[in-house]
Amino acid sequence: MVDEPNRPVDLKSGWKSGEITAMCVVCLGIGLLMGYLLRGSAPNQAQTSISTFETRSAQAMGGTSGQPPQQMSQKMPSLDDMKRMADKKAEPLLEKLKTDGRNPQLLNEIGLVYKSTHQFKGAADYFRKSLQYDPTNIGVRADYASCLYYTGDVDGALAQLKKSLTYDPKHAGTLMNIGIIKWKGRNDVDGAIASWETLLQYHPDFPQKDLVQQLITQAKESTRPRA
């Protein structure tokens, strides 16, 4: 909560229902890749809520909400709208930052608020500052890397993930994300598959093993010539 700077922010609390709906719809614009990339420093509850946003948005756009898709699209917020939501949510955290500017957990909390509303450039700045004071935090570095990727800095994202491997060469989430970004960001199918196979070698009981194997299959099929 915002009153506890050493505790990761719960992204689900504090948002109004209308703001959550807005976030649902905007999630569609980022694409399926966001559903594959493993989150870093967000608490499990927040991760679940973000996934729920994506699921609900897909249902709404399909008309299952009882509201025509045309009406939903008319209400789609702009990124400026999303930024205003994030700025309002981050206000108390930014106020604390004035007197505690070197607190990596506080900087991470602010980054999570902006990342949750797809303000990736702003979020990346806060994650980068957090890592200045806590460089071995692999979770924060994963969030930083994903934000860099979403802003188009593929090389920067991979560099951050490779940095994480210097602290933990077997880190499953990092190996997963390296594979995804190599495949989708660089079209490096061999590099992606190698990263995922290394993940499964180190972690044969990985909870998302089926997803990793599915990605390996999809990556291999993407290189086959079409009939």
C-alpha atoms as a PDB file:
ATOM      1  CA  MET A   1       0.000   0.000   0.000  1.00  0.00           C
ATOM      2  CA  VAL A   2       1.104   3.603  -0.419  1.00  0.00           C
ATOM      3  CA  ASP A   3       1.530   3.986   3.339  1.00  0.00           C
ATOM      4  CA  GLU A   4       4.191   1.268   3.358  1.00  0.00           C
ATOM      5  CA  PRO A   5       7.031   2.227   1.019  1.00  0.00           C
ATOM      6  CA  ASN A   6       8.852  -1.054   1.515  1.00  0.00           C
ATOM      7  CA  ARG A   7       5.908  -3.104   0.331  1.00  0.00           C
ATOM      8  CA  PRO A   8       5.158  -3.545  -3.403  1.00  0.00           C
ATOM      9  CA  VAL A   9       2.044  -1.690  -4.471  1.00  0.00           C
ATOM     10  CA  ASP A  10      -1.103  -3.732  -5.070  1.00  0.00           C
ATOM     11  CA  LEU A  11      -2.086  -2.565  -8.534  1.00  0.00           C
ATOM     12  CA  LYS A  12      -5.622  -3.816  -8.093  1.00  0.00           C
ATOM     13  CA  SER A  13      -6.423  -1.643  -5.093  1.00  0.00           C
ATOM     14  CA  GLY A  14      -7.054   2.051  -5.498  1.00  0.00           C
ATOM     15  CA  TRP A  15      -8.311   1.872  -9.090  1.00  0.00           C
ATOM     16  CA  LYS A  16     -11.916   2.821  -9.732  1.00  0.00           C
ATOM     17  CA  SER A  17     -14.067   0.417 -11.735  1.00  0.00           C
ATOM     18  CA  GLY A  18     -14.178   2.797 -14.696  1.00  0.00           C
ATOM     19  CA  GLU A  19     -10.404   3.063 -14.708  1.00  0.00           C
ATOM     20  CA  ILE A  20     -10.070  -0.728 -14.645  1.00  0.00           C
ATOM     21  CA  THR A  21     -12.430  -0.988 -17.618  1.00  0.00           C
ATOM     22  CA  ALA A  22     -10.320   1.552 -19.477  1.00  0.00           C
ATOM     23  CA  MET A  23      -7.201  -0.442 -18.763  1.00  0.00           C
ATOM     24  CA  CYS A  24      -8.935  -3.601 -20.018  1.00  0.00           C
ATOM     25  CA  VAL A  25      -9.586  -2.113 -23.413  1.00  0.00           C
ATOM     26  CA  VAL A  26      -6.158  -0.588 -23.865  1.00  0.00           C
ATOM     27  CA  CYS A  27      -4.544  -3.951 -23.064  1.00  0.00           C
ATOM     28  CA  LEU A  28      -5.718  -5.199 -26.450  1.00  0.00           C
ATOM     29  CA  GLY A  29      -3.515  -2.673 -28.209  1.00  0.00           C
ATOM     30  CA  ILE A  30      -0.303  -4.124 -26.819  1.00  0.00           C
ATOM     31  CA  GLY A  31      -0.793  -7.556 -28.386  1.00  0.00           C
ATOM     32  CA  LEU A  32      -0.449 -11.132 -27.215  1.00  0.00           C
ATOM     33  CA  LEU A  33       3.231 -10.802 -26.379  1.00  0.00           C
ATOM     34  CA  MET A  34       2.436  -9.031 -23.124  1.00  0.00           C
ATOM     35  CA  GLY A  35       0.582 -12.144 -22.019  1.00  0.00           C
ATOM     36  CA  TYR A  36       3.670 -14.278 -22.643  1.00  0.00           C
ATOM     37  CA  LEU A  37       6.345 -12.114 -21.020  1.00  0.00           C
ATOM     38  CA  LEU A  38       6.746 -13.055 -17.384  1.00  0.00           C
ATOM     39  CA  ARG A  39       6.284 -10.145 -15.003  1.00  0.00           C
ATOM     40  CA  GLY A  40       9.052  -9.220 -12.687  1.00  0.00           C
ATOM     41  CA  SER A  41       8.571  -7.319  -9.439  1.00  0.00           C
ATOM     42  CA  ALA A  42       4.779  -7.029  -9.323  1.00  0.00           C
ATOM     43  CA  PRO A  43       3.205  -9.074  -6.504  1.00  0.00           C
ATOM     44  CA  ASN A  44       1.177 -12.109  -7.517  1.00  0.00           C
ATOM     45  CA  GLN A  45      -2.101 -10.395  -6.786  1.00  0.00           C
ATOM     46  CA  ALA A  46      -1.222  -7.550  -9.114  1.00  0.00           C
ATOM     47  CA  GLN A  47      -0.088  -9.954 -11.820  1.00  0.00           C
ATOM     48  CA  THR A  48      -3.382 -11.794 -11.576  1.00  0.00           C
ATOM     49  CA  SER A  49      -5.339  -8.566 -11.825  1.00  0.00           C
ATOM     50  CA  ILE A  50      -3.492  -7.530 -14.977  1.00  0.00           C
ATOM     51  CA  SER A  51      -4.254 -10.895 -16.571  1.00  0.00           C
ATOM     52  CA  THR A  52      -7.875 -10.418 -15.549  1.00  0.00           C
ATOM     53  CA  PHE A  53      -7.885  -7.041 -17.292  1.00  0.00           C
ATOM     54  CA  GLU A  54      -6.762  -8.723 -20.524  1.00  0.00           C
ATOM     55  CA  THR A  55      -9.354 -11.479 -20.246  1.00  0.00           C
ATOM     56  CA  ARG A  56     -12.199  -9.110 -19.480  1.00  0.00           C
ATOM     57  CA  SER A  57     -11.198  -6.791 -22.304  1.00  0.00           C
ATOM     58  CA  ALA A  58     -11.284  -9.649 -24.792  1.00  0.00           C
ATOM     59  CA  GLN A  59     -14.725 -10.673 -23.540  1.00  0.00           C
ATOM     60  CA  ALA A  60     -15.985  -7.121 -23.785  1.00  0.00           C
ATOM     61  CA  MET A  61     -14.733  -6.659 -27.329  1.00  0.00           C
ATOM     62  CA  GLY A  62     -16.407  -9.921 -28.251  1.00  0.00           C
ATOM     63  CA  GLY A  63     -19.748  -8.615 -27.042  1.00  0.00           C
ATOM     64  CA  THR A  64     -20.065 -10.907 -24.017  1.00  0.00           C
ATOM     65  CA  SER A  65     -20.456  -7.920 -21.709  1.00  0.00           C
ATOM     66  CA  GLY A  66     -23.914  -7.221 -23.141  1.00  0.00           C
ATOM     67  CA  GLN A  67     -22.615  -4.042 -24.770  1.00  0.00           C
ATOM     68  CA  PRO A  68     -22.005  -3.792 -28.536  1.00  0.00           C
ATOM     69  CA  PRO A  69     -18.319  -3.683 -29.511  1.00  0.00           C
ATOM     70  CA  GLN A  70     -18.919  -0.362 -31.269  1.00  0.00           C
ATOM     71  CA  GLN A  71     -19.879   1.261 -27.984  1.00  0.00           C
ATOM     72  CA  MET A  72     -16.823  -0.170 -26.287  1.00  0.00           C
ATOM     73  CA  SER A  73     -14.530   1.202 -28.978  1.00  0.00           C
ATOM     74  CA  GLN A  74     -16.106   4.654 -28.655  1.00  0.00           C
ATOM     75  CA  LYS A  75     -15.131   4.658 -24.981  1.00  0.00           C
ATOM     76  CA  MET A  76     -11.560   3.522 -25.562  1.00  0.00           C
ATOM     77  CA  PRO A  77      -9.262   5.891 -23.639  1.00  0.00           C
ATOM     78  CA  SER A  78      -6.187   7.445 -25.156  1.00  0.00           C
ATOM     79  CA  LEU A  79      -2.714   6.964 -23.756  1.00  0.00           C
ATOM     80  CA  ASP A  80      -2.999  10.512 -22.401  1.00  0.00           C
ATOM     81  CA  ASP A  81      -6.078   9.393 -20.447  1.00  0.00           C
ATOM     82  CA  MET A  82      -4.127   6.443 -19.120  1.00  0.00           C
ATOM     83  CA  LYS A  83      -1.258   8.700 -18.111  1.00  0.00           C
ATOM     84  CA  ARG A  84      -3.614  10.925 -16.133  1.00  0.00           C
ATOM     85  CA  MET A  85      -4.893   7.860 -14.303  1.00  0.00           C
ATOM     86  CA  ALA A  86      -1.345   6.797 -13.489  1.00  0.00           C
ATOM     87  CA  ASP A  87      -0.300  10.284 -12.392  1.00  0.00           C
ATOM     88  CA  LYS A  88      -3.226  10.436  -9.986  1.00  0.00           C
ATOM     89  CA  LYS A  89      -2.514   6.967  -8.581  1.00  0.00           C
ATOM     90  CA  ALA A  90       1.190   7.788  -8.195  1.00  0.00           C
ATOM     91  CA  GLU A  91       0.683  11.148  -6.433  1.00  0.00           C
ATOM     92  CA  PRO A  92       1.184   9.895  -2.846  1.00  0.00           C
ATOM     93  CA  LEU A  93       4.178   7.801  -3.905  1.00  0.00           C
ATOM     94  CA  LEU A  94       5.785  10.730  -5.699  1.00  0.00           C
ATOM     95  CA  GLU A  95       5.236  12.845  -2.594  1.00  0.00           C
ATOM     96  CA  LYS A  96       7.123  10.268  -0.510  1.00  0.00           C
ATOM     97  CA  LEU A  97       9.865  10.219  -3.114  1.00  0.00           C
ATOM     98  CA  LYS A  98      10.674  13.884  -2.382  1.00  0.00           C
ATOM     99  CA  THR A  99      12.069  12.892   1.011  1.00  0.00           C
ATOM    100  CA  ASP A 100      13.128   9.322   0.185  1.00  0.00           C
ATOM    101  CA  GLY A 101      14.548   9.579  -3.307  1.00  0.00           C
ATOM    102  CA  ARG A 102      16.983   6.683  -2.960  1.00  0.00           C
ATOM    103  CA  ASN A 103      14.450   4.083  -1.872  1.00  0.00           C
ATOM    104  CA  PRO A 104      14.555   1.321  -4.534  1.00  0.00           C
ATOM    105  CA  GLN A 105      11.279  -0.238  -3.383  1.00  0.00           C
ATOM    106  CA  LEU A 106       9.470   3.081  -3.583  1.00  0.00           C
ATOM    107  CA  LEU A 107      10.899   3.760  -7.046  1.00  0.00           C
ATOM    108  CA  ASN A 108       9.789   0.289  -8.087  1.00  0.00           C
ATOM    109  CA  GLU A 109       6.250   0.907  -6.806  1.00  0.00           C
ATOM    110  CA  ILE A 110       5.989   4.031  -8.939  1.00  0.00           C
ATOM    111  CA  GLY A 111       7.338   2.144 -11.932  1.00  0.00           C
ATOM    112  CA  LEU A 112       4.683  -0.547 -11.460  1.00  0.00           C
ATOM    113  CA  VAL A 113       1.906   2.050 -11.430  1.00  0.00           C
ATOM    114  CA  TYR A 114       3.050   3.500 -14.754  1.00  0.00           C
ATOM    115  CA  LYS A 115       3.699   0.074 -16.281  1.00  0.00           C
ATOM    116  CA  SER A 116       0.187  -1.061 -15.362  1.00  0.00           C
ATOM    117  CA  THR A 117      -1.235   1.767 -17.484  1.00  0.00           C
ATOM    118  CA  HIS A 118       1.176   1.152 -20.371  1.00  0.00           C
ATOM    119  CA  GLN A 119       3.233   4.268 -19.726  1.00  0.00           C
ATOM    120  CA  PHE A 120       6.313   2.237 -20.519  1.00  0.00           C
ATOM    121  CA  LYS A 121       8.807   5.035 -21.046  1.00  0.00           C
ATOM    122  CA  GLY A 122       7.996   6.648 -17.709  1.00  0.00           C
ATOM    123  CA  ALA A 123       7.924   3.289 -15.944  1.00  0.00           C
ATOM    124  CA  ALA A 124      11.335   2.400 -17.374  1.00  0.00           C
ATOM    125  CA  ASP A 125      12.833   5.549 -15.855  1.00  0.00           C
ATOM    126  CA  TYR A 126      11.678   4.561 -12.373  1.00  0.00           C
ATOM    127  CA  PHE A 127      12.812   0.945 -12.744  1.00  0.00           C
ATOM    128  CA  ARG A 128      16.217   2.163 -13.934  1.00  0.00           C
ATOM    129  CA  LYS A 129      16.552   4.434 -10.904  1.00  0.00           C
ATOM    130  CA  SER A 130      15.469   1.607  -8.589  1.00  0.00           C
ATOM    131  CA  LEU A 131      18.204  -0.614 -10.018  1.00  0.00           C
ATOM    132  CA  GLN A 132      20.804   2.050  -9.284  1.00  0.00           C
ATOM    133  CA  TYR A 133      20.233   1.356  -5.577  1.00  0.00           C
ATOM    134  CA  ASP A 134      19.375  -2.358  -5.833  1.00  0.00           C
ATOM    135  CA  PRO A 135      21.172  -3.708  -8.921  1.00  0.00           C
ATOM    136  CA  THR A 136      20.730  -7.399  -8.090  1.00  0.00           C
ATOM    137  CA  ASN A 137      16.921  -7.240  -8.035  1.00  0.00           C
ATOM    138  CA  ILE A 138      16.083  -9.517 -10.970  1.00  0.00           C
ATOM    139  CA  GLY A 139      12.346  -8.853 -10.695  1.00  0.00           C
ATOM    140  CA  VAL A 140      12.758  -5.117 -11.178  1.00  0.00           C
ATOM    141  CA  ARG A 141      15.210  -5.724 -14.009  1.00  0.00           C
ATOM    142  CA  ALA A 142      12.632  -7.944 -15.753  1.00  0.00           C
ATOM    143  CA  ASP A 143      10.081  -5.137 -15.585  1.00  0.00           C
ATOM    144  CA  TYR A 144      12.687  -2.669 -16.835  1.00  0.00           C
ATOM    145  CA  ALA A 145      13.553  -4.962 -19.751  1.00  0.00           C
ATOM    146  CA  SER A 146       9.910  -5.423 -20.746  1.00  0.00           C
ATOM    147  CA  CYS A 147       9.340  -1.663 -20.728  1.00  0.00           C
ATOM    148  CA  LEU A 148      12.401  -1.147 -22.915  1.00  0.00           C
ATOM    149  CA  TYR A 149      11.068  -3.773 -25.315  1.00  0.00           C
ATOM    150  CA  TYR A 150       7.637  -2.165 -25.528  1.00  0.00           C
ATOM    151  CA  THR A 151       9.251   1.196 -26.351  1.00  0.00           C
ATOM    152  CA  GLY A 152      11.204  -0.404 -29.199  1.00  0.00           C
ATOM    153  CA  ASP A 153      14.594  -0.875 -27.556  1.00  0.00           C
ATOM    154  CA  VAL A 154      15.094  -4.569 -28.243  1.00  0.00           C
ATOM    155  CA  ASP A 155      18.856  -4.495 -27.718  1.00  0.00           C
ATOM    156  CA  GLY A 156      18.452  -2.647 -24.432  1.00  0.00           C
ATOM    157  CA  ALA A 157      15.878  -5.154 -23.208  1.00  0.00           C
ATOM    158  CA  LEU A 158      18.113  -8.111 -24.013  1.00  0.00           C
ATOM    159  CA  ALA A 159      21.094  -6.404 -22.384  1.00  0.00           C
ATOM    160  CA  GLN A 160      19.156  -6.033 -19.133  1.00  0.00           C
ATOM    161  CA  LEU A 161      18.031  -9.663 -19.179  1.00  0.00           C
ATOM    162  CA  LYS A 162      21.566 -10.862 -19.863  1.00  0.00           C
ATOM    163  CA  LYS A 163      22.678  -8.733 -16.910  1.00  0.00           C
ATOM    164  CA  SER A 164      20.206 -10.647 -14.757  1.00  0.00           C
ATOM    165  CA  LEU A 165      21.811 -13.904 -15.805  1.00  0.00           C
ATOM    166  CA  THR A 166      25.115 -12.715 -14.337  1.00  0.00           C
ATOM    167  CA  TYR A 167      23.383 -12.756 -10.940  1.00  0.00           C
ATOM    168  CA  ASP A 168      21.417 -15.978 -11.518  1.00  0.00           C
ATOM    169  CA  PRO A 169      22.344 -17.942 -14.686  1.00  0.00           C
ATOM    170  CA  LYS A 170      19.451 -20.363 -14.150  1.00  0.00           C
ATOM    171  CA  HIS A 171      16.695 -17.799 -13.561  1.00  0.00           C
ATOM    172  CA  ALA A 172      13.639 -19.243 -15.286  1.00  0.00           C
ATOM    173  CA  GLY A 173      11.732 -16.034 -15.933  1.00  0.00           C
ATOM    174  CA  THR A 174      14.781 -14.379 -17.446  1.00  0.00           C
ATOM    175  CA  LEU A 175      15.450 -17.308 -19.782  1.00  0.00           C
ATOM    176  CA  MET A 176      11.780 -17.319 -20.775  1.00  0.00           C
ATOM    177  CA  ASN A 177      11.777 -13.629 -21.614  1.00  0.00           C
ATOM    178  CA  ILE A 178      15.074 -13.739 -23.486  1.00  0.00           C
ATOM    179  CA  GLY A 179      13.558 -16.383 -25.754  1.00  0.00           C
ATOM    180  CA  ILE A 180      10.414 -14.364 -26.394  1.00  0.00           C
ATOM    181  CA  ILE A 181      12.278 -11.164 -27.197  1.00  0.00           C
ATOM    182  CA  LYS A 182      14.822 -12.916 -29.398  1.00  0.00           C
ATOM    183  CA  TRP A 183      11.998 -14.521 -31.355  1.00  0.00           C
ATOM    184  CA  LYS A 184       9.606 -11.591 -31.651  1.00  0.00           C
ATOM    185  CA  GLY A 185      12.090  -8.742 -31.477  1.00  0.00           C
ATOM    186  CA  ARG A 186      14.976 -10.104 -33.523  1.00  0.00           C
ATOM    187  CA  ASN A 187      13.447 -13.008 -35.449  1.00  0.00           C
ATOM    188  CA  ASP A 188      16.217 -15.109 -33.915  1.00  0.00           C
ATOM    189  CA  VAL A 189      14.406 -18.430 -33.797  1.00  0.00           C
ATOM    190  CA  ASP A 190      17.495 -20.505 -32.991  1.00  0.00           C
ATOM    191  CA  GLY A 191      18.477 -18.164 -30.156  1.00  0.00           C
ATOM    192  CA  ALA A 192      14.955 -18.211 -28.757  1.00  0.00           C
ATOM    193  CA  ILE A 193      14.692 -21.988 -28.815  1.00  0.00           C
ATOM    194  CA  ALA A 194      18.118 -22.342 -27.213  1.00  0.00           C
ATOM    195  CA  SER A 195      17.040 -20.092 -24.344  1.00  0.00           C
ATOM    196  CA  TRP A 196      13.801 -22.016 -23.769  1.00  0.00           C
ATOM    197  CA  GLU A 197      15.537 -25.392 -23.961  1.00  0.00           C
ATOM    198  CA  THR A 198      18.079 -24.169 -21.411  1.00  0.00           C
ATOM    199  CA  LEU A 199      15.171 -23.131 -19.173  1.00  0.00           C
ATOM    200  CA  LEU A 200      13.620 -26.602 -19.359  1.00  0.00           C
ATOM    201  CA  GLN A 201      16.999 -28.244 -18.797  1.00  0.00           C
ATOM    202  CA  TYR A 202      17.486 -26.301 -15.574  1.00  0.00           C
ATOM    203  CA  HIS A 203      13.821 -26.486 -14.531  1.00  0.00           C
ATOM    204  CA  PRO A 204      12.162 -29.692 -15.808  1.00  0.00           C
ATOM    205  CA  ASP A 205       9.197 -29.062 -13.491  1.00  0.00           C
ATOM    206  CA  PHE A 206       8.728 -25.429 -14.551  1.00  0.00           C
ATOM    207  CA  PRO A 207       5.051 -24.509 -13.842  1.00  0.00           C
ATOM    208  CA  GLN A 208       4.610 -23.103 -17.358  1.00  0.00           C
ATOM    209  CA  LYS A 209       6.419 -25.944 -19.072  1.00  0.00           C
ATOM    210  CA  ASP A 210       3.526 -26.546 -21.472  1.00  0.00           C
ATOM    211  CA  LEU A 211       3.631 -22.915 -22.578  1.00  0.00           C
ATOM    212  CA  VAL A 212       7.384 -23.081 -23.161  1.00  0.00           C
ATOM    213  CA  GLN A 213       7.024 -26.222 -25.257  1.00  0.00           C
ATOM    214  CA  GLN A 214       4.209 -24.570 -27.188  1.00  0.00           C
ATOM    215  CA  LEU A 215       6.407 -21.571 -27.905  1.00  0.00           C
ATOM    216  CA  ILE A 216       9.226 -23.831 -29.100  1.00  0.00           C
ATOM    217  CA  THR A 217       6.803 -25.540 -31.495  1.00  0.00           C
ATOM    218  CA  GLN A 218       5.434 -22.230 -32.767  1.00  0.00           C
ATOM    219  CA  ALA A 219       8.905 -20.814 -33.287  1.00  0.00           C
ATOM    220  CA  LYS A 220      10.005 -23.865 -35.269  1.00  0.00           C
ATOM    221  CA  GLU A 221       6.865 -23.747 -37.399  1.00  0.00           C
ATOM    222  CA  SER A 222       7.408 -20.077 -38.160  1.00  0.00           C
ATOM    223  CA  THR A 223      10.543 -20.947 -40.132  1.00  0.00           C
ATOM    224  CA  ARG A 224       8.900 -23.566 -42.319  1.00  0.00           C
ATOM    225  CA  PRO A 225       8.085 -22.456 -45.874  1.00  0.00           C
ATOM    226  CA  ARG A 226       4.391 -22.173 -46.531  1.00  0.00           C
ATOM    227  CA  ALA A 227       2.868 -24.422 -49.140  1.00  0.00           C
END
